[in-house]
């Protein structure tokens, strides 16, 4: 669908992402591996077949305990087409 953006990320075991936030709410599906995602100060531990959501404009970061694959989708293409999408990256 042209209104939904899909992404797949490989996170090597021990890898942690820098804090990030954007205007699109994102739904994550854990394909394989284990780890945790911190949304503000809340930790969500995940394993294969888990689903979790990062709400719009909430700072988050991922940390993989083992090699992990996360599939995600959001309404980013729609927001980009309407010039509404914004993001904020932080250096770790």
PDB file of N, CA and C in Angstrom:
ATOM      1  N   UNK A   1       0.839  -1.178   0.000  1.00  0.00           N
ATOM      2  CA  UNK A   1       0.000   0.000   0.000  1.00  0.00           C
ATOM      3  C   UNK A   1       0.889   1.249   0.000  1.00  0.00           C
ATOM      4  N   UNK A   2       0.584   2.211  -0.811  1.00  0.00           N
ATOM      5  CA  UNK A   2       1.427   3.409  -0.867  1.00  0.00           C
ATOM      6  C   UNK A   2       1.330   4.298   0.376  1.00  0.00           C
ATOM      7  N   UNK A   3       0.364   4.043   1.244  1.00  0.00           N
ATOM      8  CA  UNK A   3       0.214   4.878   2.444  1.00  0.00           C
ATOM      9  C   UNK A   3       0.901   4.283   3.669  1.00  0.00           C
ATOM     10  N   UNK A   4       1.430   3.062   3.542  1.00  0.00           N
ATOM     11  CA  UNK A   4       2.089   2.388   4.656  1.00  0.00           C
ATOM     12  C   UNK A   4       3.540   2.111   4.284  1.00  0.00           C
ATOM     13  N   UNK A   5       4.453   2.486   5.171  1.00  0.00           N
ATOM     14  CA  UNK A   5       5.869   2.205   4.962  1.00  0.00           C
ATOM     15  C   UNK A   5       6.274   0.994   5.777  1.00  0.00           C
ATOM     16  N   UNK A   6       7.068   0.105   5.181  1.00  0.00           N
ATOM     17  CA  UNK A   6       7.542  -1.082   5.886  1.00  0.00           C
ATOM     18  C   UNK A   6       9.062  -1.056   5.950  1.00  0.00           C
ATOM     19  N   UNK A   7       9.591  -1.576   7.039  1.00  0.00           N
ATOM     20  CA  UNK A   7      11.032  -1.575   7.263  1.00  0.00           C
ATOM     21  C   UNK A   7      11.416  -2.871   7.958  1.00  0.00           C
ATOM     22  N   UNK A   8      12.641  -3.313   7.713  1.00  0.00           N
ATOM     23  CA  UNK A   8      13.176  -4.478   8.415  1.00  0.00           C
ATOM     24  C   UNK A   8      14.573  -4.096   8.881  1.00  0.00           C
ATOM     25  N   UNK A   9      14.871  -4.370  10.156  1.00  0.00           N
ATOM     26  CA  UNK A   9      16.165  -4.010  10.722  1.00  0.00           C
ATOM     27  C   UNK A   9      16.822  -5.227  11.357  1.00  0.00           C
ATOM     28  N   UNK A  10      18.113  -5.407  11.079  1.00  0.00           N
ATOM     29  CA  UNK A  10      18.921  -6.440  11.716  1.00  0.00           C
ATOM     30  C   UNK A  10      19.725  -5.767  12.814  1.00  0.00           C
ATOM     31  N   UNK A  11      19.551  -6.231  14.046  1.00  0.00           N
ATOM     32  CA  UNK A  11      20.287  -5.703  15.188  1.00  0.00           C
ATOM     33  C   UNK A  11      21.206  -6.805  15.698  1.00  0.00           C
ATOM     34  N   UNK A  12      22.523  -6.663  15.533  1.00  0.00           N
ATOM     35  CA  UNK A  12      23.442  -7.683  16.046  1.00  0.00           C
ATOM     36  C   UNK A  12      23.364  -7.762  17.571  1.00  0.00           C
ATOM     37  N   UNK A  13      23.613  -8.929  18.132  1.00  0.00           N
ATOM     38  CA  UNK A  13      23.595  -9.098  19.576  1.00  0.00           C
ATOM     39  C   UNK A  13      24.500  -8.087  20.260  1.00  0.00           C
ATOM     40  N   UNK A  14      23.996  -7.429  21.289  1.00  0.00           N
ATOM     41  CA  UNK A  14      24.758  -6.418  22.011  1.00  0.00           C
ATOM     42  C   UNK A  14      24.649  -5.020  21.444  1.00  0.00           C
ATOM     43  N   UNK A  15      24.048  -4.880  20.268  1.00  0.00           N
ATOM     44  CA  UNK A  15      23.932  -3.574  19.623  1.00  0.00           C
ATOM     45  C   UNK A  15      22.812  -2.760  20.263  1.00  0.00           C
ATOM     46  N   UNK A  16      23.051  -1.469  20.445  1.00  0.00           N
ATOM     47  CA  UNK A  16      22.034  -0.554  20.974  1.00  0.00           C
ATOM     48  C   UNK A  16      21.922   0.648  20.048  1.00  0.00           C
ATOM     49  N   UNK A  17      20.715   1.038  19.729  1.00  0.00           N
ATOM     50  CA  UNK A  17      20.502   2.199  18.864  1.00  0.00           C
ATOM     51  C   UNK A  17      20.571   3.482  19.685  1.00  0.00           C
ATOM     52  N   UNK A  18      20.809   4.577  19.019  1.00  0.00           N
ATOM     53  CA  UNK A  18      20.776   5.892  19.653  1.00  0.00           C
ATOM     54  C   UNK A  18      19.315   6.297  19.847  1.00  0.00           C
ATOM     55  N   UNK A  19      19.019   7.170  20.806  1.00  0.00           N
ATOM     56  CA  UNK A  19      17.644   7.643  20.989  1.00  0.00           C
ATOM     57  C   UNK A  19      17.115   8.304  19.709  1.00  0.00           C
ATOM     58  N   UNK A  20      15.838   8.082  19.444  1.00  0.00           N
ATOM     59  CA  UNK A  20      15.220   8.545  18.198  1.00  0.00           C
ATOM     60  C   UNK A  20      13.736   8.793  18.446  1.00  0.00           C
ATOM     61  N   UNK A  21      13.177   9.754  17.735  1.00  0.00           N
ATOM     62  CA  UNK A  21      11.724   9.930  17.739  1.00  0.00           C
ATOM     63  C   UNK A  21      11.289  10.534  16.412  1.00  0.00           C
ATOM     64  N   UNK A  22      10.037  10.250  16.039  1.00  0.00           N
ATOM     65  CA  UNK A  22       9.475  10.764  14.788  1.00  0.00           C
ATOM     66  C   UNK A  22       7.959  10.885  14.949  1.00  0.00           C
ATOM     67  N   UNK A  23       7.351  11.553  14.004  1.00  0.00           N
ATOM     68  CA  UNK A  23       5.916  11.825  14.119  1.00  0.00           C
ATOM     69  C   UNK A  23       5.042  10.627  13.770  1.00  0.00           C
ATOM     70  N   UNK A  24       5.590   9.621  13.120  1.00  0.00           N
ATOM     71  CA  UNK A  24       4.772   8.448  12.806  1.00  0.00           C
ATOM     72  C   UNK A  24       4.775   7.470  13.977  1.00  0.00           C
ATOM     73  N   UNK A  25       3.606   6.959  14.325  1.00  0.00           N
ATOM     74  CA  UNK A  25       3.518   5.866  15.289  1.00  0.00           C
ATOM     75  C   UNK A  25       3.937   4.605  14.561  1.00  0.00           C
ATOM     76  N   UNK A  26       4.728   3.765  15.212  1.00  0.00           N
ATOM     77  CA  UNK A  26       5.285   2.601  14.532  1.00  0.00           C
ATOM     78  C   UNK A  26       4.932   1.315  15.263  1.00  0.00           C
ATOM     79  N   UNK A  27       4.524   0.312  14.492  1.00  0.00           N
ATOM     80  CA  UNK A  27       4.216  -1.010  15.025  1.00  0.00           C
ATOM     81  C   UNK A  27       5.384  -1.930  14.672  1.00  0.00           C
ATOM     82  N   UNK A  28       5.915  -2.611  15.678  1.00  0.00           N
ATOM     83  CA  UNK A  28       7.044  -3.525  15.499  1.00  0.00           C
ATOM     84  C   UNK A  28       6.596  -4.956  15.706  1.00  0.00           C
ATOM     85  N   UNK A  29       7.126  -5.847  14.874  1.00  0.00           N
ATOM     86  CA  UNK A  29       6.938  -7.282  15.016  1.00  0.00           C
ATOM     87  C   UNK A  29       8.331  -7.904  15.119  1.00  0.00           C
ATOM     88  N   UNK A  30       8.563  -8.690  16.156  1.00  0.00           N
ATOM     89  CA  UNK A  30       9.869  -9.317  16.346  1.00  0.00           C
ATOM     90  C   UNK A  30       9.904 -10.601  15.519  1.00  0.00           C
ATOM     91  N   UNK A  31      10.770 -10.619  14.526  1.00  0.00           N
ATOM     92  CA  UNK A  31      10.895 -11.781  13.645  1.00  0.00           C
ATOM     93  C   UNK A  31      11.770 -12.838  14.307  1.00  0.00           C
ATOM     94  N   UNK A  32      12.914 -12.403  14.832  1.00  0.00           N
ATOM     95  CA  UNK A  32      13.786 -13.334  15.547  1.00  0.00           C
ATOM     96  C   UNK A  32      14.661 -12.564  16.524  1.00  0.00           C
ATOM     97  N   UNK A  33      15.171 -13.269  17.518  1.00  0.00           N
ATOM     98  CA  UNK A  33      16.059 -12.671  18.497  1.00  0.00           C
ATOM     99  C   UNK A  33      15.329 -12.148  19.723  1.00  0.00           C
ATOM    100  N   UNK A  34      16.116 -11.648  20.656  1.00  0.00           N
ATOM    101  CA  UNK A  34      15.583 -11.091  21.894  1.00  0.00           C
ATOM    102  C   UNK A  34      16.240  -9.748  22.176  1.00  0.00           C
ATOM    103  N   UNK A  35      15.555  -8.945  22.962  1.00  0.00           N
ATOM    104  CA  UNK A  35      16.109  -7.650  23.333  1.00  0.00           C
ATOM    105  C   UNK A  35      15.083  -6.844  24.085  1.00  0.00           C
ATOM    106  N   UNK A  36      15.311  -5.548  24.095  1.00  0.00           N
ATOM    107  CA  UNK A  36      14.359  -4.664  24.755  1.00  0.00           C
ATOM    108  C   UNK A  36      14.363  -3.312  24.065  1.00  0.00           C
ATOM    109  N   UNK A  37      13.229  -2.649  24.185  1.00  0.00           N
ATOM    110  CA  UNK A  37      13.057  -1.307  23.650  1.00  0.00           C
ATOM    111  C   UNK A  37      12.668  -0.410  24.807  1.00  0.00           C
ATOM    112  N   UNK A  38      13.332   0.722  24.881  1.00  0.00           N
ATOM    113  CA  UNK A  38      13.033   1.706  25.920  1.00  0.00           C
ATOM    114  C   UNK A  38      12.245   2.838  25.275  1.00  0.00           C
ATOM    115  N   UNK A  39      11.025   3.052  25.735  1.00  0.00           N
ATOM    116  CA  UNK A  39      10.188   4.160  25.271  1.00  0.00           C
ATOM    117  C   UNK A  39      10.130   5.131  26.433  1.00  0.00           C
ATOM    118  N   UNK A  40      10.800   6.275  26.265  1.00  0.00           N
ATOM    119  CA  UNK A  40      11.057   7.174  27.385  1.00  0.00           C
ATOM    120  C   UNK A  40      11.742   6.337  28.471  1.00  0.00           C
ATOM    121  N   UNK A  41      11.161   6.164  29.640  1.00  0.00           N
ATOM    122  CA  UNK A  41      11.797   5.384  30.710  1.00  0.00           C
ATOM    123  C   UNK A  41      11.160   4.013  30.908  1.00  0.00           C
ATOM    124  N   UNK A  42      10.328   3.583  29.978  1.00  0.00           N
ATOM    125  CA  UNK A  42       9.644   2.295  30.093  1.00  0.00           C
ATOM    126  C   UNK A  42      10.381   1.259  29.242  1.00  0.00           C
ATOM    127  N   UNK A  43      10.728   0.126  29.858  1.00  0.00           N
ATOM    128  CA  UNK A  43      11.415  -0.948  29.136  1.00  0.00           C
ATOM    129  C   UNK A  43      10.414  -2.004  28.698  1.00  0.00           C
ATOM    130  N   UNK A  44      10.483  -2.377  27.429  1.00  0.00           N
ATOM    131  CA  UNK A  44       9.648  -3.449  26.885  1.00  0.00           C
ATOM    132  C   UNK A  44      10.590  -4.552  26.418  1.00  0.00           C
ATOM    133  N   UNK A  45      10.526  -5.697  27.078  1.00  0.00           N
ATOM    134  CA  UNK A  45      11.346  -6.841  26.669  1.00  0.00           C
ATOM    135  C   UNK A  45      10.595  -7.607  25.577  1.00  0.00           C
ATOM    136  N   UNK A  46      11.357  -8.034  24.547  1.00  0.00           N
ATOM    137  CA  UNK A  46      10.701  -8.719  23.454  1.00  0.00           C
ATOM    138  C   UNK A  46      11.462  -9.974  23.028  1.00  0.00           C
ATOM    139  N   UNK A  47      10.696 -10.845  22.358  1.00  0.00           N
ATOM    140  CA  UNK A  47      11.195 -12.125  21.837  1.00  0.00           C
ATOM    141  C   UNK A  47      10.430 -12.402  20.539  1.00  0.00           C
ATOM    142  N   UNK A  48      10.790 -13.457  19.799  1.00  0.00           N
ATOM    143  CA  UNK A  48      10.104 -13.737  18.535  1.00  0.00           C
ATOM    144  C   UNK A  48       8.584 -13.791  18.677  1.00  0.00           C
ATOM    145  N   UNK A  49       7.921 -13.234  17.687  1.00  0.00           N
ATOM    146  CA  UNK A  49       6.463 -13.158  17.535  1.00  0.00           C
ATOM    147  C   UNK A  49       5.802 -12.130  18.448  1.00  0.00           C
ATOM    148  N   UNK A  50       6.586 -11.369  19.229  1.00  0.00           N
ATOM    149  CA  UNK A  50       6.007 -10.287  20.023  1.00  0.00           C
ATOM    150  C   UNK A  50       5.709  -9.089  19.129  1.00  0.00           C
ATOM    151  N   UNK A  51       4.711  -8.329  19.516  1.00  0.00           N
ATOM    152  CA  UNK A  51       4.350  -7.073  18.857  1.00  0.00           C
ATOM    153  C   UNK A  51       4.397  -5.961  19.904  1.00  0.00           C
ATOM    154  N   UNK A  52       4.869  -4.784  19.480  1.00  0.00           N
ATOM    155  CA  UNK A  52       4.797  -3.622  20.358  1.00  0.00           C
ATOM    156  C   UNK A  52       4.703  -2.366  19.511  1.00  0.00           C
ATOM    157  N   UNK A  53       4.230  -1.302  20.119  1.00  0.00           N
ATOM    158  CA  UNK A  53       3.992  -0.046  19.411  1.00  0.00           C
ATOM    159  C   UNK A  53       4.798   1.068  20.066  1.00  0.00           C
ATOM    160  N   UNK A  54       5.409   1.892  19.235  1.00  0.00           N
ATOM    161  CA  UNK A  54       6.041   3.119  19.708  1.00  0.00           C
ATOM    162  C   UNK A  54       5.144   4.260  19.232  1.00  0.00           C
ATOM    163  N   UNK A  55       4.485   4.958  20.165  1.00  0.00           N
ATOM    164  CA  UNK A  55       3.587   6.045  19.771  1.00  0.00           C
ATOM    165  C   UNK A  55       4.325   7.208  19.106  1.00  0.00           C
ATOM    166  N   UNK A  56       3.582   7.998  18.405  1.00  0.00           N
ATOM    167  CA  UNK A  56       4.112   9.176  17.731  1.00  0.00           C
ATOM    168  C   UNK A  56       4.871  10.077  18.703  1.00  0.00           C
ATOM    169  N   UNK A  57       6.058  10.516  18.263  1.00  0.00           N
ATOM    170  CA  UNK A  57       6.901  11.501  18.936  1.00  0.00           C
ATOM    171  C   UNK A  57       7.369  11.058  20.328  1.00  0.00           C
ATOM    172  N   UNK A  58       7.437   9.751  20.553  1.00  0.00           N
ATOM    173  CA  UNK A  58       7.984   9.227  21.799  1.00  0.00           C
ATOM    174  C   UNK A  58       9.426   8.789  21.554  1.00  0.00           C
ATOM    175  N   UNK A  59      10.336   9.315  22.350  1.00  0.00           N
ATOM    176  CA  UNK A  59      11.733   8.934  22.202  1.00  0.00           C
ATOM    177  C   UNK A  59      11.885   7.460  22.566  1.00  0.00           C
ATOM    178  N   UNK A  60      12.641   6.738  21.737  1.00  0.00           N
ATOM    179  CA  UNK A  60      12.858   5.317  21.994  1.00  0.00           C
ATOM    180  C   UNK A  60      14.224   4.881  21.495  1.00  0.00           C
ATOM    181  N   UNK A  61      14.647   3.747  22.014  1.00  0.00           N
ATOM    182  CA  UNK A  61      15.891   3.121  21.569  1.00  0.00           C
ATOM    183  C   UNK A  61      15.751   1.617  21.757  1.00  0.00           C
ATOM    184  N   UNK A  62      16.452   0.860  20.910  1.00  0.00           N
ATOM    185  CA  UNK A  62      16.403  -0.595  20.954  1.00  0.00           C
ATOM    186  C   UNK A  62      17.760  -1.130  21.426  1.00  0.00           C
ATOM    187  N   UNK A  63      17.732  -2.254  22.137  1.00  0.00           N
ATOM    188  CA  UNK A  63      18.960  -2.946  22.526  1.00  0.00           C
ATOM    189  C   UNK A  63      18.736  -4.435  22.314  1.00  0.00           C
ATOM    190  N   UNK A  64      19.582  -5.048  21.489  1.00  0.00           N
ATOM    191  CA  UNK A  64      19.455  -6.474  21.169  1.00  0.00           C
ATOM    192  C   UNK A  64      20.287  -7.305  22.132  1.00  0.00           C
ATOM    193  N   UNK A  65      19.671  -8.298  22.769  1.00  0.00           N
ATOM    194  CA  UNK A  65      20.387  -9.229  23.637  1.00  0.00           C
ATOM    195  C   UNK A  65      21.061 -10.320  22.803  1.00  0.00           C
ATOM    196  N   UNK A  66      20.435 -10.664  21.682  1.00  0.00           N
ATOM    197  CA  UNK A  66      20.987 -11.628  20.725  1.00  0.00           C
ATOM    198  C   UNK A  66      20.734 -11.048  19.332  1.00  0.00           C
ATOM    199  N   UNK A  67      21.311 -11.660  18.303  1.00  0.00           N
ATOM    200  CA  UNK A  67      21.021 -11.188  16.950  1.00  0.00           C
ATOM    201  C   UNK A  67      19.506 -11.145  16.783  1.00  0.00           C
ATOM    202  N   UNK A  68      18.997 -10.013  16.321  1.00  0.00           N
ATOM    203  CA  UNK A  68      17.549  -9.831  16.243  1.00  0.00           C
ATOM    204  C   UNK A  68      17.151  -9.197  14.913  1.00  0.00           C
ATOM    205  N   UNK A  69      15.948  -9.515  14.482  1.00  0.00           N
ATOM    206  CA  UNK A  69      15.355  -8.906  13.295  1.00  0.00           C
ATOM    207  C   UNK A  69      14.007  -8.322  13.702  1.00  0.00           C
ATOM    208  N   UNK A  70      13.837  -7.027  13.460  1.00  0.00           N
ATOM    209  CA  UNK A  70      12.576  -6.343  13.752  1.00  0.00           C
ATOM    210  C   UNK A  70      11.943  -5.884  12.442  1.00  0.00           C
ATOM    211  N   UNK A  71      10.698  -6.244  12.241  1.00  0.00           N
ATOM    212  CA  UNK A  71       9.903  -5.745  11.120  1.00  0.00           C
ATOM    213  C   UNK A  71       9.016  -4.641  11.678  1.00  0.00           C
ATOM    214  N   UNK A  72       8.904  -3.534  10.952  1.00  0.00           N
ATOM    215  CA  UNK A  72       8.043  -2.446  11.433  1.00  0.00           C
ATOM    216  C   UNK A  72       7.275  -1.829  10.273  1.00  0.00           C
ATOM    217  N   UNK A  73       6.148  -1.194  10.629  1.00  0.00           N
ATOM    218  CA  UNK A  73       5.391  -0.456   9.628  1.00  0.00           C
ATOM    219  C   UNK A  73       4.731   0.750  10.278  1.00  0.00           C
ATOM    220  N   UNK A  74       4.512   1.771   9.442  1.00  0.00           N
ATOM    221  CA  UNK A  74       3.922   3.016   9.939  1.00  0.00           C
ATOM    222  C   UNK A  74       3.281   3.779   8.780  1.00  0.00           C
ATOM    223  N   UNK A  75       2.682   4.916   9.123  1.00  0.00           N
ATOM    224  CA  UNK A  75       2.065   5.775   8.115  1.00  0.00           C
ATOM    225  C   UNK A  75       3.036   6.865   7.628  1.00  0.00           C
ATOM    226  N   UNK A  76       4.323   6.611   7.731  1.00  0.00           N
ATOM    227  CA  UNK A  76       5.323   7.593   7.324  1.00  0.00           C
ATOM    228  C   UNK A  76       5.136   8.109   5.890  1.00  0.00           C
ATOM    229  N   UNK A  77       4.880   7.239   4.876  1.00  0.00           N
ATOM    230  CA  UNK A  77       4.707   7.762   3.519  1.00  0.00           C
ATOM    231  C   UNK A  77       3.573   8.793   3.400  1.00  0.00           C
ATOM    232  N   UNK A  78       2.494   8.568   4.121  1.00  0.00           N
ATOM    233  CA  UNK A  78       1.378   9.523   4.095  1.00  0.00           C
ATOM    234  C   UNK A  78       1.809  10.846   4.709  1.00  0.00           C
ATOM    235  N   UNK A  79       2.472  10.785   5.851  1.00  0.00           N
ATOM    236  CA  UNK A  79       2.927  12.007   6.504  1.00  0.00           C
ATOM    237  C   UNK A  79       3.950  12.746   5.639  1.00  0.00           C
ATOM    238  N   UNK A  80       4.830  12.006   4.967  1.00  0.00           N
ATOM    239  CA  UNK A  80       5.804  12.656   4.077  1.00  0.00           C
ATOM    240  C   UNK A  80       5.094  13.353   2.914  1.00  0.00           C
ATOM    241  N   UNK A  81       4.104  12.695   2.321  1.00  0.00           N
ATOM    242  CA  UNK A  81       3.381  13.280   1.186  1.00  0.00           C
ATOM    243  C   UNK A  81       2.653  14.559   1.578  1.00  0.00           C
ATOM    244  N   UNK A  82       2.236  14.638   2.836  1.00  0.00           N
ATOM    245  CA  UNK A  82       1.523  15.820   3.325  1.00  0.00           C
ATOM    246  C   UNK A  82       2.452  16.824   4.005  1.00  0.00           C
ATOM    247  N   UNK A  83       3.766  16.566   3.931  1.00  0.00           N
ATOM    248  CA  UNK A  83       4.790  17.414   4.574  1.00  0.00           C
ATOM    249  C   UNK A  83       4.570  17.548   6.080  1.00  0.00           C
ATOM    250  N   UNK A  84       4.125  16.470   6.716  1.00  0.00           N
ATOM    251  CA  UNK A  84       3.886  16.460   8.155  1.00  0.00           C
ATOM    252  C   UNK A  84       4.955  15.695   8.933  1.00  0.00           C
ATOM    253  N   UNK A  85       5.721  14.840   8.248  1.00  0.00           N
ATOM    254  CA  UNK A  85       6.648  13.940   8.936  1.00  0.00           C
ATOM    255  C   UNK A  85       7.884  14.696   9.415  1.00  0.00           C
ATOM    256  N   UNK A  86       8.270  14.435  10.657  1.00  0.00           N
ATOM    257  CA  UNK A  86       9.482  15.003  11.258  1.00  0.00           C
ATOM    258  C   UNK A  86      10.184  13.915  12.057  1.00  0.00           C
ATOM    259  N   UNK A  87      11.491  14.066  12.241  1.00  0.00           N
ATOM    260  CA  UNK A  87      12.239  13.146  13.060  1.00  0.00           C
ATOM    261  C   UNK A  87      13.292  13.895  13.867  1.00  0.00           C
ATOM    262  N   UNK A  88      13.729  13.262  14.927  1.00  0.00           N
ATOM    263  CA  UNK A  88      14.768  13.831  15.789  1.00  0.00           C
ATOM    264  C   UNK A  88      15.687  12.702  16.208  1.00  0.00           C
ATOM    265  N   UNK A  89      16.968  12.840  15.826  1.00  0.00           N
ATOM    266  CA  UNK A  89      17.972  11.833  16.177  1.00  0.00           C
ATOM    267  C   UNK A  89      18.906  12.401  17.233  1.00  0.00           C
ATOM    268  N   UNK A  90      19.330  11.550  18.140  1.00  0.00           N
ATOM    269  CA  UNK A  90      20.279  11.936  19.184  1.00  0.00           C
ATOM    270  C   UNK A  90      21.539  11.110  19.004  1.00  0.00           C
ATOM    271  N   UNK A  91      22.648  11.705  19.288  1.00  0.00           N
ATOM    272  CA  UNK A  91      23.904  10.977  19.235  1.00  0.00           C
ATOM    273  C   UNK A  91      24.098  10.241  20.553  1.00  0.00           C
ATOM    274  N   UNK A  92      24.506   8.996  20.468  1.00  0.00           N
ATOM    275  CA  UNK A  92      24.682   8.180  21.691  1.00  0.00           C
ATOM    276  C   UNK A  92      25.931   8.569  22.431  1.00  0.00           C
TER     277      UNK A  92
END
